[in-house]
Structures are given as structure tokens and as C-alpha cells.
Amino acid sequence: MLEESRIEIKIGSYGVASGAALKDPALLSKVQSYRRQKGAGMIALDREAAKLKLPASDYHISRKVDGEFSVIVWDGQRAILLNPGGTARVGLPVLEEAATLLLAAGVGSALIAAELYVERGDGKRARVHDVSRVARKPESLAALETLRLAVFDVLEWNGSSIEGGFENTWNTITTVFGKGQRIAPVEAVQGKDAKAVLSQFEKWVDGEGAEGLVVRSDSAGIFKVKPRHTLDVVVIGFAEGVDDRVGMLHDLLLAILRSDGSFQLLGRVGGGFSDEQRKIFLADLQDMEVESEYAEVNSDRVAYRMVEPRWIAEISCLDLVAETTRGGTIDRMVLNWNHEFMRWETIRRLPLVSVISPQFVRLRDDKKVDPLDIRIQQLTDIVPVPMADKTARDLALSGSEILRREVVTKTLKGKEMVRKLLMWKTNKETESPDYPAYVVHLTDFSPNRKEPLQREIRVSNSRDQIKSLWDELAVKYFVRGWNSPEE
């Protein structure tokens, strides 16, 4: 299934490879599509919402395992692990056991959804951080022995899907993996209503510290039931309501502080406010408005008005997600607060998280806007965030390089008009998806027009194409009667 020459051996027979090493590229697409479809169809609930929204139904209630989502790919002879980010793993003891069980069951091929996690020797709940530590940089062969797979679904079985609803899928899983040691079905029970779900929540989550529950019904759907997290964040912007909500706060733009004191956008919160709070908060925030290089709009396409970072808000959320459904990072802008000039300045985008179902709780007058009270570790204690320990200012993007510049002028009615073409290479195209490789910018200034200053911009990742775009603008604007200032 993999090009052997492209497998990087970490220790013993354990190795990893990128998705490019797959002999069948469609495998990765199947894994990503499954993750995307299940993620979109799963409804997130907290305890109170579950009590109100779960209808009577036959439920499959499973313990939510805090690990790395992976798919076991079995071709009849060998088992590999593949995650949505395109990382393939081979040679793990848990995969050897999976192959033995599948071979004994006479399975010709399969794609099996599972959670890769670490069985801790201290009895504490496994965390996804543990998987990252062991699977990415194993210190010993003994460390690999702690990796486990909790099987919870089947994508394909002998070339097709399993018919007859999830009950048949679960029967297949328990039949093949029920007696496994390193690989086994995820812990699960059956229930018929919200009361049964909440009873299991009390046992696994409240009593044993589990991450949450996955509740599945062929008729009612799939739900994720988790306790809410609370975070202390700083308010950096706000948006006013529209239509009948004019004069009231629509939502707040929030940030977390990195260890170097820079502010990273976390998201927004629009729920949890009373109407009275919306009126009072809007009036107060309007007095705190400042300038900003960074601009963003909310769901109503209303631009946030940036404010001085003085308010600290406590919010609750149902979950934090650090990856896209394709396994990529969720990048958020990092900003610098220039206190001297009272304005926000951009630094660059870095990985962070998406906040699921945020709700405003209260303002925190007892907290300070510093990297201790508003620390990014509030997030990394829950989910792994790449580069969270890096100094954002040291990761500033490369400087641009001017490639070409031309200016022409013309005098009309005693007033000078100016047209300027500028071409530059950003040198940022490999560092951030926000930047193209090349930019051409036209400035057209004429004091005789109703709008004196006009601009046009062209971008490209091709050197040849940007030259052609330059020529098009030059032919259009550098016409007869316009001269270089030196002429």
C-alpha cells in the first residue's frame, strides 16, 4: 500500500510516511471524506442540552476517547494507519495484532475507523498529547507497546459498506476485535432515552474523568455530549447589531495572549448576553475604539470595530478543535498592541483552535490583561496546538522585495496628476497562504476628479504572468501626454 522507499523508520520496524507515499491516492480522500461527513453530521451537546434535545430512541452510547482519529487500512495481508492529515503509520505492535485478528476472521479488505490512544500506566485518562509524544518521537520500543486502538466504526468491509444499520456494524466490530488486547471495540453500552445517556455521562465523565460521550442512533442521528470548558479571554473588537438590533451589541471579537505578549485571535462570542448587557456594553465599547491594521467581519458581514484591550471576558464552550477535517492546522492572526500609538498591528497567522458553541458568562474585573491570566495554555491543556510555545514576533514573515517601479506625471489646469506602477515579490508565498508571490499595484492620483485617489492591484504566483499584468496596466495608463518626472 506504500512506497517502501518513502517510509521513514522511527524505531525498530515502526515508520511513518506522508500521503504521497500511498500507492492508491484515493485512500486518503476516503479517510478525509469520512471525517468531514461525520464531523458535519455530529451534533454537539452539553449535559443540559442533552437532557432537553435527545429524543427517545435506541442509542449506542460510547466513551469518547481522547486520541488521534485514524483509519486502519487492511488489504488482506498488511495493516497500516492513515489519518486525515495524510500521515501513514506502519510497524506498530497494535497493527500487528489488528492484522492477526482480521486474517483469522477471513477479511479480505477493510477500512476501519478507530482512535489511536496511549494506555497510561498511572491509570489516568489518556490525552491526545500522549499520542503525539509517543507516535511522533518514540523514546523506546516499550513506548510503542502502550499505543492502543479503540474501534468505533467501519467505512468499508470487503469492498463495500455494511448494510442493516449501525447494529450490524457494531456486531461486526465486536465479533472481530472483541477479544483483542491492544485493539478492541470502544467501550459502549445501549440506552433508550436521554436519562440513560445522562446516567452514563455521570459514570464515565463525572466519575471517571472521560472526555465525553458519543451517542448514536440510526433514527435520531449522532451526538457528542461533553462538559463545557471555561476560558478567560480579552475583548479586542465588537460589532453592532443590524435592523431591529441597531443600538445593541451583536458580538465580541476575542483573543488569547501568547507567552511573548502578542494577541492571537481566538474567535467571537454572540450568545449569553441579556438585552440590557447588549445596550450597555455597546455604549461602553464605542468609547474604547482604536485604529487597526487588521480588519474582519462577522456573520452579518458587519466589520468589527477594534478596541483597546482592557476588558477580560469569561466564556464557556463545548469543545476546542485544533485541526480541519483534512488534518490541517486552524490558523489565526497574531496581533501586536501598539500602546504608544493606540492601534493594532498585524504580525502573522499561526495555528490555534476553533471554539465550538461559545457563550458569554461574565466580565472578569479580577483578572489582568497579561500572559498569565489570559494564557494560551488554557487551550493547550485541552488540545495540542502546534507552535504554541513559539515567539510570534520571531516568526515575522519575510520582507518584500521591490522588482520594478515607474512613475509618470501630467499637468492639467495647473494641477499635477501622478500615476505610479509598483511591482514587488512578497517572499511570503511559502510562509503564509494569505500572500501571493508577486504583486503589481497601480496608484492613480488626479486632484481634478471627484475621487482623487484610485488604485488597481494584480497578483500572481508566476513571474511571467506578473510581467504580463504589468504590461497590461502600463499600456492602459502610461499613454501619450504622461511623462516621467525626469523628462
Protein backbone atom coordinates (compact mmCIF):
# COMPACT_ATOMS: atom_id res chain seq x y z
CA MET A 1 0.00 0.00 0.00
CA LEU A 2 3.01 2.29 0.47
CA GLU A 3 6.17 3.03 -1.46
CA GLU A 4 8.65 1.40 0.90
CA SER A 5 11.46 3.78 -0.02
CA ARG A 6 9.36 6.71 1.27
CA ILE A 7 8.78 5.28 4.76
CA GLU A 8 10.84 6.95 7.48
CA ILE A 9 11.75 4.42 10.15
CA LYS A 10 11.48 5.90 13.64
CA ILE A 11 12.49 2.94 15.78
CA GLY A 12 12.51 -0.83 15.23
CA SER A 13 10.01 -1.63 12.48
CA TYR A 14 7.87 1.42 13.23
CA GLY A 15 7.84 4.00 10.47
CA VAL A 16 5.79 6.88 9.09
CA ALA A 17 5.14 8.19 5.61
CA SER A 18 3.19 11.02 4.02
CA GLY A 19 0.08 10.57 1.93
CA ALA A 20 2.24 10.99 -1.18
CA ALA A 21 3.69 7.54 -0.46
CA LEU A 22 0.30 5.83 -0.88
CA LYS A 23 0.09 3.69 -3.98
CA ASP A 24 -3.66 4.38 -4.06
CA PRO A 25 -4.21 8.15 -3.52
CA ALA A 26 -7.96 7.55 -3.23
CA LEU A 27 -7.41 6.08 0.24
CA LEU A 28 -6.61 9.48 1.73
CA SER A 29 -9.65 11.03 0.04
CA LYS A 30 -11.87 8.35 1.58
CA VAL A 31 -10.46 8.99 5.05
CA GLN A 32 -10.87 12.75 4.74
CA SER A 33 -14.38 12.45 3.30
CA TYR A 34 -15.48 10.19 6.17
CA ARG A 35 -14.05 12.60 8.75
CA ARG A 36 -15.71 15.56 7.06
CA GLN A 37 -19.14 13.89 6.74
CA LYS A 38 -19.19 12.58 10.30
CA GLY A 39 -17.99 15.89 11.68
CA ALA A 40 -20.67 17.82 9.81
CA GLY A 41 -23.41 15.42 10.90
CA MET A 42 -22.49 15.20 14.58
CA ILE A 43 -24.45 17.50 16.92
CA ALA A 44 -22.52 18.80 19.93
CA LEU A 45 -24.43 19.00 23.22
CA ASP A 46 -23.62 19.71 26.83
CA ARG A 47 -25.35 17.96 29.72
CA GLU A 48 -28.32 20.36 29.89
CA ALA A 49 -28.84 20.40 26.14
CA ALA A 50 -28.72 16.60 26.03
CA LYS A 51 -31.44 16.45 28.68
CA LEU A 52 -33.70 18.63 26.53
CA LYS A 53 -32.85 17.62 22.97
CA LEU A 54 -32.25 13.86 22.94
CA PRO A 55 -35.48 12.12 21.86
CA ALA A 56 -36.47 8.62 22.92
CA SER A 57 -34.60 6.18 20.67
CA ASP A 58 -32.35 3.14 20.68
CA TYR A 59 -28.94 4.64 21.44
CA HIS A 60 -25.47 3.24 21.13
CA ILE A 61 -23.57 5.14 23.86
CA SER A 62 -19.78 5.01 23.67
CA ARG A 63 -16.98 6.54 25.68
CA LYS A 64 -15.24 9.37 23.79
CA VAL A 65 -11.54 8.56 23.66
CA ASP A 66 -9.06 11.45 23.69
CA GLY A 67 -6.68 10.36 20.96
CA GLU A 68 -5.84 10.70 17.27
CA PHE A 69 -8.54 9.76 14.79
CA SER A 70 -7.13 7.18 12.38
CA VAL A 71 -8.36 4.63 9.87
CA ILE A 72 -6.98 1.10 9.80
CA VAL A 73 -6.37 0.19 6.17
CA TRP A 74 -6.28 -3.59 5.62
CA ASP A 75 -5.53 -5.17 2.24
CA GLY A 76 -5.71 -8.81 3.29
CA GLN A 77 -2.02 -9.03 4.23
CA ARG A 78 -0.92 -5.85 5.93
CA ALA A 79 -2.49 -3.21 8.19
CA ILE A 80 -1.46 0.43 8.19
CA LEU A 81 -2.88 3.50 9.95
CA LEU A 82 -3.86 6.60 7.99
CA ASN A 83 -5.10 9.88 9.47
CA PRO A 84 -6.85 12.77 7.65
CA GLY A 85 -3.65 14.83 7.71
CA GLY A 86 -2.04 12.27 5.41
CA THR A 87 0.25 10.58 7.94
CA ALA A 88 0.56 6.82 7.45
CA ARG A 89 1.96 4.63 10.23
CA VAL A 90 3.34 1.10 9.86
CA GLY A 91 5.02 -1.49 12.06
CA LEU A 92 3.21 -0.76 15.34
CA PRO A 93 2.52 -3.67 17.72
CA VAL A 94 -1.17 -2.70 17.76
CA LEU A 95 -1.25 -3.02 13.96
CA GLU A 96 0.33 -6.45 14.11
CA GLU A 97 -2.47 -7.57 16.42
CA ALA A 98 -5.08 -5.99 14.13
CA ALA A 99 -3.66 -7.91 11.16
CA THR A 100 -3.76 -11.18 13.09
CA LEU A 101 -7.43 -10.72 14.06
CA LEU A 102 -8.51 -9.64 10.58
CA LEU A 103 -6.66 -12.53 8.96
CA ALA A 104 -8.26 -15.00 11.37
CA ALA A 105 -11.69 -13.59 10.52
CA GLY A 106 -11.06 -14.06 6.80
CA VAL A 107 -11.45 -10.38 5.97
CA GLY A 108 -10.09 -9.59 2.51
CA SER A 109 -10.00 -5.81 2.82
CA ALA A 110 -11.34 -3.15 5.18
CA LEU A 111 -11.28 0.49 6.22
CA ILE A 112 -11.93 0.71 9.96
CA ALA A 113 -12.36 3.91 11.99
CA ALA A 114 -10.57 3.97 15.32
CA GLU A 115 -9.00 6.25 17.89
CA LEU A 116 -5.26 5.84 18.47
CA TYR A 117 -4.51 6.46 22.14
CA VAL A 118 -1.99 5.71 24.87
CA GLU A 119 -2.71 3.35 27.75
CA ARG A 120 -1.16 5.13 30.70
CA GLY A 121 0.50 3.17 33.44
CA ASP A 122 -0.72 5.54 36.16
CA GLY A 123 -4.39 4.84 35.44
CA LYS A 124 -5.11 8.44 34.42
CA ARG A 125 -7.11 9.35 31.36
CA ALA A 126 -5.15 9.21 28.13
CA ARG A 127 -4.80 12.53 26.33
CA VAL A 128 -4.09 13.31 22.69
CA HIS A 129 -0.82 14.90 23.86
CA ASP A 130 0.33 11.41 24.88
CA VAL A 131 -0.26 10.09 21.38
CA SER A 132 1.71 12.95 19.86
CA ARG A 133 4.59 12.29 22.22
CA VAL A 134 4.79 8.54 21.60
CA ALA A 135 3.79 8.24 17.93
CA ARG A 136 5.87 11.14 16.63
CA LYS A 137 9.06 10.67 18.64
CA PRO A 138 9.03 7.30 20.44
CA GLU A 139 11.76 7.07 23.06
CA SER A 140 11.81 3.27 23.08
CA LEU A 141 10.15 0.12 21.74
CA ALA A 142 8.43 -0.16 25.11
CA ALA A 143 6.74 3.19 24.48
CA LEU A 144 5.20 1.81 21.27
CA GLU A 145 3.71 -1.04 23.29
CA THR A 146 1.48 1.49 25.09
CA LEU A 147 -0.34 2.53 21.89
CA ARG A 148 -3.89 1.23 21.62
CA LEU A 149 -6.73 1.37 19.08
CA ALA A 150 -10.37 1.83 20.09
CA VAL A 151 -12.52 0.76 17.11
CA PHE A 152 -15.83 2.59 16.70
CA ASP A 153 -16.97 2.36 13.05
CA VAL A 154 -16.40 0.71 9.65
CA LEU A 155 -16.05 2.62 6.38
CA GLU A 156 -15.66 -0.44 4.13
CA TRP A 157 -15.71 -4.18 4.75
CA ASN A 158 -14.57 -6.50 1.95
CA GLY A 159 -15.01 -3.71 -0.57
CA SER A 160 -18.45 -2.42 0.44
CA SER A 161 -20.32 -0.82 3.31
CA ILE A 162 -22.04 -2.92 5.97
CA GLU A 163 -25.80 -2.95 5.41
CA GLY A 164 -28.53 -3.03 8.04
CA GLY A 165 -27.76 -0.04 10.23
CA PHE A 166 -25.17 0.55 12.91
CA GLU A 167 -26.21 -2.52 14.92
CA ASN A 168 -24.77 -4.77 12.22
CA THR A 169 -21.62 -2.65 12.05
CA TRP A 170 -21.16 -2.92 15.79
CA ASN A 171 -21.75 -6.68 15.73
CA THR A 172 -19.01 -7.00 13.11
CA ILE A 173 -16.61 -4.89 15.21
CA THR A 174 -17.22 -6.87 18.39
CA THR A 175 -17.01 -10.22 16.61
CA VAL A 176 -13.59 -9.48 15.09
CA PHE A 177 -11.99 -7.31 17.78
CA GLY A 178 -13.91 -8.30 20.93
CA LYS A 179 -11.06 -10.42 22.33
CA GLY A 180 -8.25 -8.06 21.32
CA GLN A 181 -5.73 -6.78 23.83
CA ARG A 182 -4.14 -3.78 22.12
CA ILE A 183 -7.03 -3.24 19.71
CA ALA A 184 -10.61 -3.54 20.92
CA PRO A 185 -14.08 -2.08 20.40
CA VAL A 186 -14.56 1.27 22.11
CA GLU A 187 -16.29 0.88 25.47
CA ALA A 188 -20.03 1.14 24.84
CA VAL A 189 -23.49 0.42 26.26
CA GLN A 190 -27.05 0.57 24.96
CA GLY A 191 -29.74 3.04 26.08
CA LYS A 192 -33.22 4.16 25.08
CA ASP A 193 -33.52 7.81 26.15
CA ALA A 194 -31.80 10.92 27.49
CA LYS A 195 -31.97 9.53 31.01
CA ALA A 196 -29.79 6.57 30.01
CA VAL A 197 -27.33 8.89 28.28
CA LEU A 198 -27.07 11.19 31.30
CA SER A 199 -26.61 8.23 33.62
CA GLN A 200 -23.65 7.10 31.54
CA PHE A 201 -22.35 10.70 31.48
CA GLU A 202 -22.33 10.74 35.27
CA LYS A 203 -20.47 7.43 35.40
CA TRP A 204 -17.83 7.99 32.71
CA VAL A 205 -17.38 11.77 32.61
CA ASP A 206 -18.19 12.89 36.15
CA GLY A 207 -16.99 9.74 37.86
CA GLU A 208 -14.04 8.62 35.74
CA GLY A 209 -12.94 11.83 34.01
CA ALA A 210 -13.70 10.70 30.45
CA GLU A 211 -13.65 13.34 27.70
CA GLY A 212 -17.31 12.82 26.84
CA LEU A 213 -19.77 10.51 25.10
CA VAL A 214 -20.66 9.71 21.50
CA VAL A 215 -24.35 8.89 21.23
CA ARG A 216 -25.51 7.23 18.03
CA SER A 217 -28.95 6.32 16.72
CA ASP A 218 -29.93 5.24 13.20
CA SER A 219 -33.14 7.27 13.52
CA ALA A 220 -32.17 10.25 15.73
CA GLY A 221 -28.63 10.91 14.48
CA ILE A 222 -25.19 11.19 16.09
CA PHE A 223 -24.45 13.40 19.10
CA LYS A 224 -21.35 14.38 21.01
CA VAL A 225 -22.07 15.04 24.69
CA LYS A 226 -19.30 16.82 26.59
CA PRO A 227 -18.84 19.06 29.62
CA ARG A 228 -18.33 22.75 28.87
CA HIS A 229 -14.90 24.37 29.20
CA THR A 230 -14.42 27.88 30.58
CA LEU A 231 -11.81 30.31 29.23
CA ASP A 232 -10.66 33.79 30.21
CA VAL A 233 -10.12 35.88 27.07
CA VAL A 234 -9.55 39.51 26.16
CA VAL A 235 -12.03 41.56 24.13
CA ILE A 236 -10.36 43.25 21.15
CA GLY A 237 -13.33 44.21 18.99
CA PHE A 238 -17.11 44.43 18.73
CA ALA A 239 -19.87 44.64 16.14
CA GLU A 240 -23.23 46.35 16.41
CA GLY A 241 -26.50 44.65 15.55
CA VAL A 242 -28.40 45.39 12.35
CA ASP A 243 -32.05 46.10 11.51
CA ASP A 244 -34.14 45.85 14.70
CA ARG A 245 -30.97 45.19 16.75
CA VAL A 246 -29.32 48.54 15.98
CA GLY A 247 -28.10 50.12 19.20
CA MET A 248 -27.32 46.72 20.68
CA LEU A 249 -24.17 44.60 20.72
CA HIS A 250 -24.12 41.84 18.13
CA ASP A 251 -20.96 40.02 19.19
CA LEU A 252 -17.45 40.40 20.60
CA LEU A 253 -14.13 39.61 18.91
CA LEU A 254 -11.86 37.73 21.31
CA ALA A 255 -8.15 36.97 21.65
CA ILE A 256 -5.80 34.92 23.79
CA LEU A 257 -2.31 36.02 24.85
CA ARG A 258 0.79 34.18 23.73
CA SER A 259 3.77 34.00 26.06
CA ASP A 260 5.53 36.90 24.29
CA GLY A 261 2.61 39.22 25.00
CA SER A 262 1.21 39.18 21.46
CA PHE A 263 -2.54 38.75 20.98
CA GLN A 264 -3.89 35.88 18.87
CA LEU A 265 -7.45 35.95 17.58
CA LEU A 266 -9.47 33.17 19.15
CA GLY A 267 -12.90 33.78 17.72
CA ARG A 268 -16.13 35.56 18.56
CA VAL A 269 -18.99 35.20 21.01
CA GLY A 270 -22.53 36.37 20.36
CA GLY A 271 -24.59 34.34 22.82
CA GLY A 272 -25.13 34.59 26.56
CA PHE A 273 -25.85 38.35 26.75
CA SER A 274 -29.05 39.88 28.08
CA ASP A 275 -30.61 42.70 26.06
CA GLU A 276 -29.64 45.12 28.79
CA GLN A 277 -26.00 43.99 28.59
CA ARG A 278 -26.04 44.39 24.82
CA LYS A 279 -27.06 48.04 25.17
CA ILE A 280 -24.65 48.90 27.99
CA PHE A 281 -21.68 47.02 26.52
CA LEU A 282 -22.14 48.68 23.11
CA ALA A 283 -22.12 52.17 24.63
CA ASP A 284 -19.00 51.41 26.69
CA LEU A 285 -17.10 49.76 23.84
CA GLN A 286 -17.75 52.65 21.48
CA ASP A 287 -15.68 54.83 23.81
CA MET A 288 -12.77 52.37 23.58
CA GLU A 289 -12.48 52.25 19.78
CA VAL A 290 -8.97 52.44 18.28
CA GLU A 291 -7.25 52.17 14.88
CA SER A 292 -6.20 48.83 13.42
CA GLU A 293 -4.23 47.44 10.50
CA TYR A 294 -6.32 44.28 10.79
CA ALA A 295 -9.93 44.06 9.66
CA GLU A 296 -12.51 41.31 9.97
CA VAL A 297 -16.27 40.99 9.50
CA ASN A 298 -18.84 38.97 11.43
CA SER A 299 -21.55 36.61 10.18
CA ASP A 300 -23.74 39.57 9.18
CA ARG A 301 -20.86 40.99 7.11
CA VAL A 302 -20.52 43.85 9.59
CA ALA A 303 -16.94 44.97 10.22
CA TYR A 304 -15.61 44.64 13.75
CA ARG A 305 -14.60 47.90 15.38
CA MET A 306 -11.36 47.27 17.24
CA VAL A 307 -10.96 48.41 20.84
CA GLU A 308 -8.23 48.93 23.40
CA PRO A 309 -7.58 45.58 25.16
CA ARG A 310 -8.99 46.40 28.59
CA TRP A 311 -11.91 44.00 29.05
CA ILE A 312 -11.48 40.40 30.11
CA ALA A 313 -14.43 38.09 29.49
CA GLU A 314 -15.10 34.61 30.78
CA ILE A 315 -16.69 32.40 28.14
CA SER A 316 -17.75 28.78 28.10
CA CYS A 317 -17.51 26.46 25.11
CA LEU A 318 -18.41 22.91 24.31
CA ASP A 319 -15.22 21.96 22.54
CA LEU A 320 -11.94 23.17 21.06
CA VAL A 321 -10.86 21.83 17.68
CA ALA A 322 -7.24 22.19 16.57
CA GLU A 323 -7.48 20.59 13.10
CA THR A 324 -9.57 20.90 9.97
CA THR A 325 -11.39 17.82 8.71
CA ARG A 326 -8.45 17.28 6.36
CA GLY A 327 -5.97 17.30 9.21
CA GLY A 328 -4.63 20.81 8.55
CA THR A 329 -4.00 23.49 11.15
CA ILE A 330 -6.53 26.20 12.00
CA ASP A 331 -4.55 29.41 11.57
CA ARG A 332 -5.48 32.65 13.33
CA MET A 333 -3.96 36.11 13.04
CA VAL A 334 -1.49 37.25 15.71
CA LEU A 335 -1.63 40.97 16.52
CA ASN A 336 0.59 43.42 18.33
CA TRP A 337 -0.99 46.10 20.52
CA ASN A 338 0.98 49.30 19.98
CA HIS A 339 0.15 51.18 23.18
CA GLU A 340 2.13 54.27 22.18
CA PHE A 341 0.07 54.85 19.02
CA MET A 342 -3.08 53.13 20.35
CA ARG A 343 -3.51 50.80 17.38
CA TRP A 344 -3.46 47.14 16.41
CA GLU A 345 -0.68 45.87 14.12
CA THR A 346 -0.53 42.53 12.31
CA ILE A 347 2.30 40.06 12.89
CA ARG A 348 1.32 36.83 11.10
CA ARG A 349 -1.05 33.88 11.22
CA LEU A 350 -0.18 30.91 13.45
CA PRO A 351 -2.04 27.71 14.36
CA LEU A 352 -4.67 27.91 17.07
CA VAL A 353 -8.16 26.40 17.51
CA SER A 354 -11.82 26.74 16.60
CA VAL A 355 -14.13 27.34 19.56
CA ILE A 356 -17.33 25.28 19.41
CA SER A 357 -20.58 26.76 20.81
CA PRO A 358 -19.09 29.71 22.74
CA GLN A 359 -21.26 31.51 25.31
CA PHE A 360 -20.55 34.70 27.24
CA VAL A 361 -20.52 34.15 31.01
CA ARG A 362 -19.33 37.39 32.60
CA LEU A 363 -16.71 40.13 32.61
CA ARG A 364 -13.73 39.47 34.89
CA ASP A 365 -12.66 42.60 36.76
CA ASP A 366 -10.38 40.48 38.94
CA LYS A 367 -8.13 39.48 36.01
CA LYS A 368 -5.37 41.37 34.23
CA VAL A 369 -4.54 41.55 30.53
CA ASP A 370 -1.27 39.64 30.74
CA PRO A 371 0.12 36.28 29.54
CA LEU A 372 -0.60 34.74 32.95
CA ASP A 373 -4.32 35.45 33.32
CA ILE A 374 -5.12 35.20 29.59
CA ARG A 375 -2.56 32.49 28.86
CA ILE A 376 -2.61 30.33 25.75
CA GLN A 377 -2.08 27.29 28.00
CA GLN A 378 -5.82 27.39 28.67
CA LEU A 379 -6.10 25.91 25.18
CA THR A 380 -3.02 23.68 25.08
CA ASP A 381 -4.10 21.99 28.31
CA ILE A 382 -7.12 20.72 26.36
CA VAL A 383 -5.85 20.18 22.80
CA PRO A 384 -2.37 20.23 21.23
CA VAL A 385 -1.67 23.48 19.35
CA PRO A 386 1.37 23.47 17.03
CA MET A 387 3.92 26.25 17.64
CA ALA A 388 2.04 27.47 20.72
CA ASP A 389 5.36 27.90 22.53
CA LYS A 390 6.96 29.91 19.73
CA THR A 391 7.56 33.64 19.96
CA ALA A 392 5.29 35.12 17.31
CA ARG A 393 7.45 38.19 16.75
CA ASP A 394 10.45 35.97 15.99
CA LEU A 395 8.34 34.29 13.32
CA ALA A 396 7.58 37.52 11.49
CA LEU A 397 7.18 37.00 7.76
CA SER A 398 9.98 37.74 5.31
CA GLY A 399 10.29 41.24 3.90
CA SER A 400 9.14 42.11 0.39
CA GLU A 401 11.49 42.95 -2.49
CA ILE A 402 10.77 45.78 -4.95
CA LEU A 403 11.30 44.49 -8.50
CA ARG A 404 10.17 47.42 -10.62
CA ARG A 405 8.89 50.96 -10.15
CA GLU A 406 7.72 53.57 -12.67
CA VAL A 407 6.11 56.99 -12.17
CA VAL A 408 4.55 59.31 -14.75
CA THR A 409 3.02 62.75 -14.29
CA LYS A 410 0.82 65.15 -16.22
CA THR A 411 -0.26 68.73 -15.55
CA LEU A 412 -3.87 69.71 -16.24
CA LYS A 413 -5.47 73.03 -15.31
CA GLY A 414 -2.40 73.88 -13.30
CA LYS A 415 -2.64 70.73 -11.14
CA GLU A 416 -0.26 67.80 -11.29
CA MET A 417 -1.60 64.28 -11.74
CA VAL A 418 0.50 61.23 -10.84
CA ARG A 419 0.38 57.60 -11.89
CA LYS A 420 2.69 55.05 -10.28
CA LEU A 421 3.23 51.37 -11.04
CA LEU A 422 4.99 49.20 -8.48
CA MET A 423 5.90 45.51 -8.73
CA TRP A 424 7.22 43.51 -5.80
CA LYS A 425 7.93 39.96 -4.72
CA THR A 426 6.36 39.24 -1.33
CA ASN A 427 8.79 36.44 -0.33
CA LYS A 428 5.94 35.17 1.84
CA GLU A 429 4.17 32.76 -0.50
CA THR A 430 5.68 29.67 1.16
CA GLU A 431 5.22 31.05 4.67
CA SER A 432 1.55 32.01 4.64
CA PRO A 433 -1.49 31.23 2.44
CA ASP A 434 -2.50 34.90 2.76
CA TYR A 435 0.18 36.10 0.33
CA PRO A 436 0.78 35.60 -3.40
CA ALA A 437 4.32 35.50 -4.75
CA TYR A 438 4.06 38.69 -6.83
CA VAL A 439 2.04 41.90 -6.71
CA VAL A 440 1.59 44.78 -9.15
CA HIS A 441 -0.03 47.92 -7.71
CA LEU A 442 -1.21 50.99 -9.62
CA THR A 443 -1.76 54.33 -7.91
CA ASP A 444 -3.66 56.90 -9.98
CA PHE A 445 -3.93 60.37 -8.39
CA SER A 446 -5.81 63.21 -10.04
CA PRO A 447 -6.88 66.24 -7.95
CA ASN A 448 -9.45 67.18 -10.62
CA ARG A 449 -11.58 64.06 -10.06
CA LYS A 450 -14.41 63.62 -7.57
CA GLU A 451 -12.41 60.72 -6.10
CA PRO A 452 -8.79 61.90 -6.48
CA LEU A 453 -7.08 58.64 -5.47
CA GLN A 454 -7.78 55.39 -7.30
CA ARG A 455 -5.94 52.07 -7.12
CA GLU A 456 -5.72 48.80 -9.02
CA ILE A 457 -3.96 45.64 -7.92
CA ARG A 458 -2.92 42.43 -9.67
CA VAL A 459 -1.43 39.32 -8.05
CA SER A 460 0.14 36.10 -9.32
CA ASN A 461 2.39 33.25 -8.30
CA SER A 462 4.02 33.28 -11.74
CA ARG A 463 6.89 35.62 -12.63
CA ASP A 464 5.95 35.53 -16.32
CA GLN A 465 2.30 36.25 -15.62
CA ILE A 466 3.01 39.19 -13.32
CA LYS A 467 5.17 40.73 -16.06
CA SER A 468 2.25 40.42 -18.48
CA LEU A 469 -0.09 42.03 -15.95
CA TRP A 470 2.40 44.89 -15.54
CA ASP A 471 2.46 45.39 -19.31
CA GLU A 472 -1.36 45.49 -19.47
CA LEU A 473 -1.56 48.24 -16.86
CA ALA A 474 1.33 50.17 -18.41
CA VAL A 475 -0.34 50.13 -21.85
CA LYS A 476 -3.61 51.30 -20.32
CA TYR A 477 -2.28 54.08 -18.05
CA PHE A 478 1.15 55.14 -19.37
CA VAL A 479 -0.23 56.79 -22.50
CA ARG A 480 0.72 59.79 -24.59
CA GLY A 481 0.88 63.03 -22.63
CA TRP A 482 2.12 61.35 -19.47
CA ASN A 483 5.83 61.75 -18.84
CA SER A 484 8.40 60.54 -16.42
CA PRO A 485 9.35 63.22 -13.83
CA GLU A 486 12.94 63.09 -15.10
CA GLU A 487 11.92 64.06 -18.66
